[in-house]
Amino acid sequence: MARVCQVTGKKPIGGHSVSHSNIKTKRRFLPNLQTKRFYFAEEDRWVTIKLSTDAIRTINKNGLATVIKEMRAAGAKI
């Protein structure tokens, strides 16, 4: 499960590609994942996280310390 956001838990979902003649074939919708480094000042170190662009907005809004605290409470190793 490599294509999963570590913050929001977004992962690929399934769907159909629909042609002009309305033939449906299976496809995957992948989340927009980015690998991003943040400086975690509370522990004086850099943290690399694979997250969606929606999660980057969440970190900008709530702060890195709050998001990491919630991730650790959920059982993630950071």
PDB file of N, CA and C in Angstrom:
ATOM      1  N   MET A   1       0.829  -1.184   0.000  1.00  0.00           N
ATOM      2  CA  MET A   1       0.000   0.000   0.000  1.00  0.00           C
ATOM      3  C   MET A   1       0.871   1.243   0.000  1.00  0.00           C
ATOM      4  N   ALA A   2       1.559   1.453  -1.089  1.00  0.00           N
ATOM      5  CA  ALA A   2       2.489   2.565  -1.161  1.00  0.00           C
ATOM      6  C   ALA A   2       1.790   3.892  -1.431  1.00  0.00           C
ATOM      7  N   ARG A   3       0.661   3.863  -2.114  1.00  0.00           N
ATOM      8  CA  ARG A   3       0.003   5.119  -2.505  1.00  0.00           C
ATOM      9  C   ARG A   3      -1.082   5.499  -1.506  1.00  0.00           C
ATOM     10  N   VAL A   4      -0.673   5.711  -0.259  1.00  0.00           N
ATOM     11  CA  VAL A   4      -1.601   6.090   0.804  1.00  0.00           C
ATOM     12  C   VAL A   4      -1.054   7.319   1.512  1.00  0.00           C
ATOM     13  N   CYS A   5      -1.907   8.309   1.736  1.00  0.00           N
ATOM     14  CA  CYS A   5      -1.514   9.505   2.465  1.00  0.00           C
ATOM     15  C   CYS A   5      -1.370   9.158   3.938  1.00  0.00           C
ATOM     16  N   GLN A   6      -0.261   9.560   4.547  1.00  0.00           N
ATOM     17  CA  GLN A   6      -0.001   9.230   5.940  1.00  0.00           C
ATOM     18  C   GLN A   6      -0.842  10.065   6.899  1.00  0.00           C
ATOM     19  N   VAL A   7      -1.374  11.187   6.441  1.00  0.00           N
ATOM     20  CA  VAL A   7      -2.152  12.067   7.323  1.00  0.00           C
ATOM     21  C   VAL A   7      -3.645  11.788   7.182  1.00  0.00           C
ATOM     22  N   THR A   8      -4.162  11.849   5.968  1.00  0.00           N
ATOM     23  CA  THR A   8      -5.602  11.719   5.763  1.00  0.00           C
ATOM     24  C   THR A   8      -6.044  10.292   5.475  1.00  0.00           C
ATOM     25  N   GLY A   9      -5.116   9.421   5.070  1.00  0.00           N
ATOM     26  CA  GLY A   9      -5.479   8.046   4.750  1.00  0.00           C
ATOM     27  C   GLY A   9      -6.065   7.871   3.359  1.00  0.00           C
ATOM     28  N   LYS A  10      -5.969   8.887   2.526  1.00  0.00           N
ATOM     29  CA  LYS A  10      -6.485   8.767   1.163  1.00  0.00           C
ATOM     30  C   LYS A  10      -5.703   7.700   0.421  1.00  0.00           C
ATOM     31  N   LYS A  11      -6.420   6.883  -0.370  1.00  0.00           N
ATOM     32  CA  LYS A  11      -5.784   5.815  -1.130  1.00  0.00           C
ATOM     33  C   LYS A  11      -6.469   5.689  -2.479  1.00  0.00           C
ATOM     34  N   PRO A  12      -5.922   4.888  -3.391  1.00  0.00           N
ATOM     35  CA  PRO A  12      -6.539   4.767  -4.712  1.00  0.00           C
ATOM     36  C   PRO A  12      -7.952   4.190  -4.627  1.00  0.00           C
ATOM     37  N   ILE A  13      -8.817   4.675  -5.510  1.00  0.00           N
ATOM     38  CA  ILE A  13     -10.164   4.131  -5.619  1.00  0.00           C
ATOM     39  C   ILE A  13     -10.372   3.650  -7.041  1.00  0.00           C
ATOM     40  N   GLY A  14     -11.331   2.773  -7.224  1.00  0.00           N
ATOM     41  CA  GLY A  14     -11.594   2.201  -8.533  1.00  0.00           C
ATOM     42  C   GLY A  14     -12.715   2.918  -9.242  1.00  0.00           C
ATOM     43  N   GLY A  15     -12.720   2.766 -10.550  1.00  0.00           N
ATOM     44  CA  GLY A  15     -13.782   3.357 -11.351  1.00  0.00           C
ATOM     45  C   GLY A  15     -13.695   2.840 -12.764  1.00  0.00           C
ATOM     46  N   HIS A  16     -14.338   3.534 -13.666  1.00  0.00           N
ATOM     47  CA  HIS A  16     -14.356   3.132 -15.058  1.00  0.00           C
ATOM     48  C   HIS A  16     -13.810   4.234 -15.952  1.00  0.00           C
ATOM     49  N   SER A  17     -13.081   3.816 -16.990  1.00  0.00           N
ATOM     50  CA  SER A  17     -12.822   4.692 -18.120  1.00  0.00           C
ATOM     51  C   SER A  17     -13.977   4.467 -19.088  1.00  0.00           C
ATOM     52  N   VAL A  18     -14.610   5.530 -19.512  1.00  0.00           N
ATOM     53  CA  VAL A  18     -15.769   5.399 -20.399  1.00  0.00           C
ATOM     54  C   VAL A  18     -15.398   5.964 -21.756  1.00  0.00           C
ATOM     55  N   SER A  19     -15.480   5.126 -22.771  1.00  0.00           N
ATOM     56  CA  SER A  19     -15.131   5.542 -24.125  1.00  0.00           C
ATOM     57  C   SER A  19     -16.301   6.293 -24.768  1.00  0.00           C
ATOM     58  N   HIS A  20     -16.057   6.790 -25.960  1.00  0.00           N
ATOM     59  CA  HIS A  20     -17.095   7.513 -26.700  1.00  0.00           C
ATOM     60  C   HIS A  20     -18.286   6.603 -26.996  1.00  0.00           C
ATOM     61  N   SER A  21     -18.010   5.304 -27.200  1.00  0.00           N
ATOM     62  CA  SER A  21     -19.088   4.358 -27.476  1.00  0.00           C
ATOM     63  C   SER A  21     -19.669   3.763 -26.185  1.00  0.00           C
ATOM     64  N   ASN A  22     -19.319   4.347 -25.048  1.00  0.00           N
ATOM     65  CA  ASN A  22     -19.851   3.994 -23.734  1.00  0.00           C
ATOM     66  C   ASN A  22     -19.386   2.615 -23.250  1.00  0.00           C
ATOM     67  N   ILE A  23     -18.227   2.153 -23.742  1.00  0.00           N
ATOM     68  CA  ILE A  23     -17.641   0.915 -23.233  1.00  0.00           C
ATOM     69  C   ILE A  23     -16.853   1.267 -21.980  1.00  0.00           C
ATOM     70  N   LYS A  24     -17.089   0.496 -20.921  1.00  0.00           N
ATOM     71  CA  LYS A  24     -16.456   0.797 -19.634  1.00  0.00           C
ATOM     72  C   LYS A  24     -15.345  -0.211 -19.350  1.00  0.00           C
ATOM     73  N   THR A  25     -14.165   0.303 -19.029  1.00  0.00           N
ATOM     74  CA  THR A  25     -13.053  -0.540 -18.616  1.00  0.00           C
ATOM     75  C   THR A  25     -12.562  -0.043 -17.270  1.00  0.00           C
ATOM     76  N   LYS A  26     -12.038  -0.969 -16.468  1.00  0.00           N
ATOM     77  CA  LYS A  26     -11.599  -0.619 -15.115  1.00  0.00           C
ATOM     78  C   LYS A  26     -10.387   0.293 -15.143  1.00  0.00           C
ATOM     79  N   ARG A  27     -10.323   1.210 -14.186  1.00  0.00           N
ATOM     80  CA  ARG A  27      -9.160   2.071 -14.011  1.00  0.00           C
ATOM     81  C   ARG A  27      -9.060   2.440 -12.547  1.00  0.00           C
ATOM     82  N   ARG A  28      -7.941   3.058 -12.176  1.00  0.00           N
ATOM     83  CA  ARG A  28      -7.732   3.492 -10.800  1.00  0.00           C
ATOM     84  C   ARG A  28      -7.587   5.007 -10.768  1.00  0.00           C
ATOM     85  N   PHE A  29      -8.200   5.619  -9.764  1.00  0.00           N
ATOM     86  CA  PHE A  29      -8.015   7.036  -9.510  1.00  0.00           C
ATOM     87  C   PHE A  29      -7.024   7.148  -8.363  1.00  0.00           C
ATOM     88  N   LEU A  30      -5.841   7.692  -8.638  1.00  0.00           N
ATOM     89  CA  LEU A  30      -4.786   7.783  -7.633  1.00  0.00           C
ATOM     90  C   LEU A  30      -4.853   9.128  -6.920  1.00  0.00           C
ATOM     91  N   PRO A  31      -4.570   9.149  -5.614  1.00  0.00           N
ATOM     92  CA  PRO A  31      -4.543  10.435  -4.906  1.00  0.00           C
ATOM     93  C   PRO A  31      -3.314  11.239  -5.323  1.00  0.00           C
ATOM     94  N   ASN A  32      -3.398  12.541  -5.187  1.00  0.00           N
ATOM     95  CA  ASN A  32      -2.298  13.427  -5.538  1.00  0.00           C
ATOM     96  C   ASN A  32      -1.305  13.455  -4.371  1.00  0.00           C
ATOM     97  N   LEU A  33      -0.369  12.504  -4.359  1.00  0.00           N
ATOM     98  CA  LEU A  33       0.571  12.371  -3.252  1.00  0.00           C
ATOM     99  C   LEU A  33       1.883  13.085  -3.547  1.00  0.00           C
ATOM    100  N   GLN A  34       2.415  13.714  -2.529  1.00  0.00           N
ATOM    101  CA  GLN A  34       3.698  14.406  -2.593  1.00  0.00           C
ATOM    102  C   GLN A  34       4.547  13.928  -1.420  1.00  0.00           C
ATOM    103  N   THR A  35       5.853  13.799  -1.642  1.00  0.00           N
ATOM    104  CA  THR A  35       6.781  13.530  -0.546  1.00  0.00           C
ATOM    105  C   THR A  35       7.358  14.874  -0.117  1.00  0.00           C
ATOM    106  N   LYS A  36       7.133  15.232   1.138  1.00  0.00           N
ATOM    107  CA  LYS A  36       7.486  16.568   1.607  1.00  0.00           C
ATOM    108  C   LYS A  36       8.254  16.474   2.914  1.00  0.00           C
ATOM    109  N   ARG A  37       9.269  17.335   3.041  1.00  0.00           N
ATOM    110  CA  ARG A  37      10.046  17.427   4.278  1.00  0.00           C
ATOM    111  C   ARG A  37       9.596  18.649   5.062  1.00  0.00           C
ATOM    112  N   PHE A  38       9.356  18.446   6.350  1.00  0.00           N
ATOM    113  CA  PHE A  38       9.003  19.536   7.249  1.00  0.00           C
ATOM    114  C   PHE A  38      10.025  19.579   8.367  1.00  0.00           C
ATOM    115  N   TYR A  39      10.331  20.763   8.848  1.00  0.00           N
ATOM    116  CA  TYR A  39      11.200  20.899  10.014  1.00  0.00           C
ATOM    117  C   TYR A  39      10.321  20.871  11.252  1.00  0.00           C
ATOM    118  N   PHE A  40      10.516  19.857  12.094  1.00  0.00           N
ATOM    119  CA  PHE A  40       9.733  19.683  13.314  1.00  0.00           C
ATOM    120  C   PHE A  40      10.514  20.309  14.459  1.00  0.00           C
ATOM    121  N   ALA A  41      10.176  21.545  14.795  1.00  0.00           N
ATOM    122  CA  ALA A  41      10.956  22.338  15.746  1.00  0.00           C
ATOM    123  C   ALA A  41      10.925  21.762  17.154  1.00  0.00           C
ATOM    124  N   GLU A  42       9.826  21.115  17.557  1.00  0.00           N
ATOM    125  CA  GLU A  42       9.718  20.574  18.907  1.00  0.00           C
ATOM    126  C   GLU A  42      10.761  19.494  19.177  1.00  0.00           C
ATOM    127  N   GLU A  43      11.115  18.729  18.145  1.00  0.00           N
ATOM    128  CA  GLU A  43      12.125  17.673  18.294  1.00  0.00           C
ATOM    129  C   GLU A  43      13.434  18.022  17.604  1.00  0.00           C
ATOM    130  N   ASP A  44      13.536  19.213  17.027  1.00  0.00           N
ATOM    131  CA  ASP A  44      14.741  19.713  16.365  1.00  0.00           C
ATOM    132  C   ASP A  44      15.252  18.741  15.305  1.00  0.00           C
ATOM    133  N   ARG A  45      14.345  18.330  14.391  1.00  0.00           N
ATOM    134  CA  ARG A  45      14.728  17.417  13.319  1.00  0.00           C
ATOM    135  C   ARG A  45      13.798  17.602  12.121  1.00  0.00           C
ATOM    136  N   TRP A  46      14.234  17.056  10.992  1.00  0.00           N
ATOM    137  CA  TRP A  46      13.439  17.075   9.779  1.00  0.00           C
ATOM    138  C   TRP A  46      12.588  15.816   9.726  1.00  0.00           C
ATOM    139  N   VAL A  47      11.353  15.947   9.247  1.00  0.00           N
ATOM    140  CA  VAL A  47      10.431  14.823   9.119  1.00  0.00           C
ATOM    141  C   VAL A  47      10.001  14.736   7.663  1.00  0.00           C
ATOM    142  N   THR A  48      10.135  13.558   7.056  1.00  0.00           N
ATOM    143  CA  THR A  48       9.693  13.338   5.686  1.00  0.00           C
ATOM    144  C   THR A  48       8.389  12.565   5.727  1.00  0.00           C
ATOM    145  N   ILE A  49       7.360  13.126   5.082  1.00  0.00           N
ATOM    146  CA  ILE A  49       6.028  12.526   5.108  1.00  0.00           C
ATOM    147  C   ILE A  49       5.511  12.440   3.677  1.00  0.00           C
ATOM    148  N   LYS A  50       4.857  11.324   3.354  1.00  0.00           N
ATOM    149  CA  LYS A  50       4.179  11.190   2.061  1.00  0.00           C
ATOM    150  C   LYS A  50       2.714  11.554   2.293  1.00  0.00           C
ATOM    151  N   LEU A  51       2.284  12.675   1.691  1.00  0.00           N
ATOM    152  CA  LEU A  51       0.941  13.152   1.957  1.00  0.00           C
ATOM    153  C   LEU A  51       0.288  13.728   0.727  1.00  0.00           C
ATOM    154  N   SER A  52      -1.030  13.838   0.811  1.00  0.00           N
ATOM    155  CA  SER A  52      -1.796  14.417  -0.290  1.00  0.00           C
ATOM    156  C   SER A  52      -1.741  15.940  -0.191  1.00  0.00           C
ATOM    157  N   THR A  53      -2.116  16.588  -1.269  1.00  0.00           N
ATOM    158  CA  THR A  53      -2.110  18.046  -1.254  1.00  0.00           C
ATOM    159  C   THR A  53      -3.152  18.582  -0.286  1.00  0.00           C
ATOM    160  N   ASP A  54      -4.209  17.830  -0.058  1.00  0.00           N
ATOM    161  CA  ASP A  54      -5.206  18.200   0.941  1.00  0.00           C
ATOM    162  C   ASP A  54      -4.588  18.186   2.344  1.00  0.00           C
ATOM    163  N   ALA A  55      -3.708  17.229   2.613  1.00  0.00           N
ATOM    164  CA  ALA A  55      -3.043  17.152   3.909  1.00  0.00           C
ATOM    165  C   ALA A  55      -2.033  18.282   4.095  1.00  0.00           C
ATOM    166  N   ILE A  56      -1.412  18.740   3.004  1.00  0.00           N
ATOM    167  CA  ILE A  56      -0.499  19.884   3.095  1.00  0.00           C
ATOM    168  C   ILE A  56      -1.276  21.116   3.545  1.00  0.00           C
ATOM    169  N   ARG A  57      -2.483  21.290   3.013  1.00  0.00           N
ATOM    170  CA  ARG A  57      -3.341  22.402   3.438  1.00  0.00           C
ATOM    171  C   ARG A  57      -3.735  22.258   4.908  1.00  0.00           C
ATOM    172  N   THR A  58      -3.972  21.024   5.356  1.00  0.00           N
ATOM    173  CA  THR A  58      -4.322  20.780   6.758  1.00  0.00           C
ATOM    174  C   THR A  58      -3.161  21.145   7.666  1.00  0.00           C
ATOM    175  N   ILE A  59      -1.936  20.801   7.270  1.00  0.00           N
ATOM    176  CA  ILE A  59      -0.755  21.138   8.067  1.00  0.00           C
ATOM    177  C   ILE A  59      -0.565  22.650   8.110  1.00  0.00           C
ATOM    178  N   ASN A  60      -0.791  23.331   6.992  1.00  0.00           N
ATOM    179  CA  ASN A  60      -0.681  24.785   6.981  1.00  0.00           C
ATOM    180  C   ASN A  60      -1.714  25.431   7.899  1.00  0.00           C
ATOM    181  N   LYS A  61      -2.897  24.850   7.981  1.00  0.00           N
ATOM    182  CA  LYS A  61      -3.972  25.415   8.782  1.00  0.00           C
ATOM    183  C   LYS A  61      -3.795  25.118  10.274  1.00  0.00           C
ATOM    184  N   ASN A  62      -3.549  23.845  10.614  1.00  0.00           N
ATOM    185  CA  ASN A  62      -3.527  23.415  12.022  1.00  0.00           C
ATOM    186  C   ASN A  62      -2.148  23.421  12.652  1.00  0.00           C
ATOM    187  N   GLY A  63      -1.103  23.358  11.847  1.00  0.00           N
ATOM    188  CA  GLY A  63       0.260  23.296  12.364  1.00  0.00           C
ATOM    189  C   GLY A  63       0.789  21.876  12.359  1.00  0.00           C
ATOM    190  N   LEU A  64       2.096  21.764  12.174  1.00  0.00           N
ATOM    191  CA  LEU A  64       2.738  20.455  12.077  1.00  0.00           C
ATOM    192  C   LEU A  64       2.663  19.697  13.395  1.00  0.00           C
ATOM    193  N   ALA A  65       2.856  20.373  14.506  1.00  0.00           N
ATOM    194  CA  ALA A  65       2.861  19.696  15.811  1.00  0.00           C
ATOM    195  C   ALA A  65       1.512  19.045  16.101  1.00  0.00           C
ATOM    196  N   THR A  66       0.425  19.726  15.782  1.00  0.00           N
ATOM    197  CA  THR A  66      -0.916  19.177  16.011  1.00  0.00           C
ATOM    198  C   THR A  66      -1.164  17.948  15.150  1.00  0.00           C
ATOM    199  N   VAL A  67      -0.763  18.025  13.889  1.00  0.00           N
ATOM    200  CA  VAL A  67      -0.992  16.910  12.964  1.00  0.00           C
ATOM    201  C   VAL A  67      -0.166  15.697  13.379  1.00  0.00           C
ATOM    202  N   ILE A  68       1.094  15.901  13.760  1.00  0.00           N
ATOM    203  CA  ILE A  68       1.941  14.779  14.180  1.00  0.00           C
ATOM    204  C   ILE A  68       1.410  14.170  15.474  1.00  0.00           C
ATOM    205  N   LYS A  69       0.910  14.987  16.370  1.00  0.00           N
ATOM    206  CA  LYS A  69       0.325  14.480  17.611  1.00  0.00           C
ATOM    207  C   LYS A  69      -0.873  13.585  17.322  1.00  0.00           C
ATOM    208  N   GLU A  70      -1.734  13.994  16.378  1.00  0.00           N
ATOM    209  CA  GLU A  70      -2.883  13.179  16.000  1.00  0.00           C
ATOM    210  C   GLU A  70      -2.463  11.889  15.310  1.00  0.00           C
ATOM    211  N   MET A  71      -1.403  11.952  14.468  1.00  0.00           N
ATOM    212  CA  MET A  71      -0.915  10.759  13.784  1.00  0.00           C
ATOM    213  C   MET A  71      -0.357   9.756  14.790  1.00  0.00           C
ATOM    214  N   ARG A  72       0.395  10.235  15.776  1.00  0.00           N
ATOM    215  CA  ARG A  72       0.954   9.335  16.783  1.00  0.00           C
ATOM    216  C   ARG A  72      -0.135   8.736  17.652  1.00  0.00           C
ATOM    217  N   ALA A  73      -1.195   9.495  17.922  1.00  0.00           N
ATOM    218  CA  ALA A  73      -2.322   8.956  18.701  1.00  0.00           C
ATOM    219  C   ALA A  73      -3.031   7.850  17.933  1.00  0.00           C
ATOM    220  N   ALA A  74      -3.012   7.949  16.602  1.00  0.00           N
ATOM    221  CA  ALA A  74      -3.632   6.925  15.768  1.00  0.00           C
ATOM    222  C   ALA A  74      -2.723   5.711  15.576  1.00  0.00           C
ATOM    223  N   GLY A  75      -1.470   5.794  16.019  1.00  0.00           N
ATOM    224  CA  GLY A  75      -0.569   4.650  15.960  1.00  0.00           C
ATOM    225  C   GLY A  75       0.481   4.721  14.879  1.00  0.00           C
ATOM    226  N   ALA A  76       0.628   5.839  14.204  1.00  0.00           N
ATOM    227  CA  ALA A  76       1.633   5.960  13.147  1.00  0.00           C
ATOM    228  C   ALA A  76       2.999   6.240  13.779  1.00  0.00           C
ATOM    229  N   LYS A  77       4.040   5.693  13.150  1.00  0.00           N
ATOM    230  CA  LYS A  77       5.399   5.906  13.629  1.00  0.00           C
ATOM    231  C   LYS A  77       5.997   7.073  12.858  1.00  0.00           C
ATOM    232  N   ILE A  78       6.312   8.151  13.552  1.00  0.00           N
ATOM    233  CA  ILE A  78       6.894   9.343  12.920  1.00  0.00           C
ATOM    234  C   ILE A  78       8.236   9.618  13.566  1.00  0.00           C
TER     235      ILE A  78
END
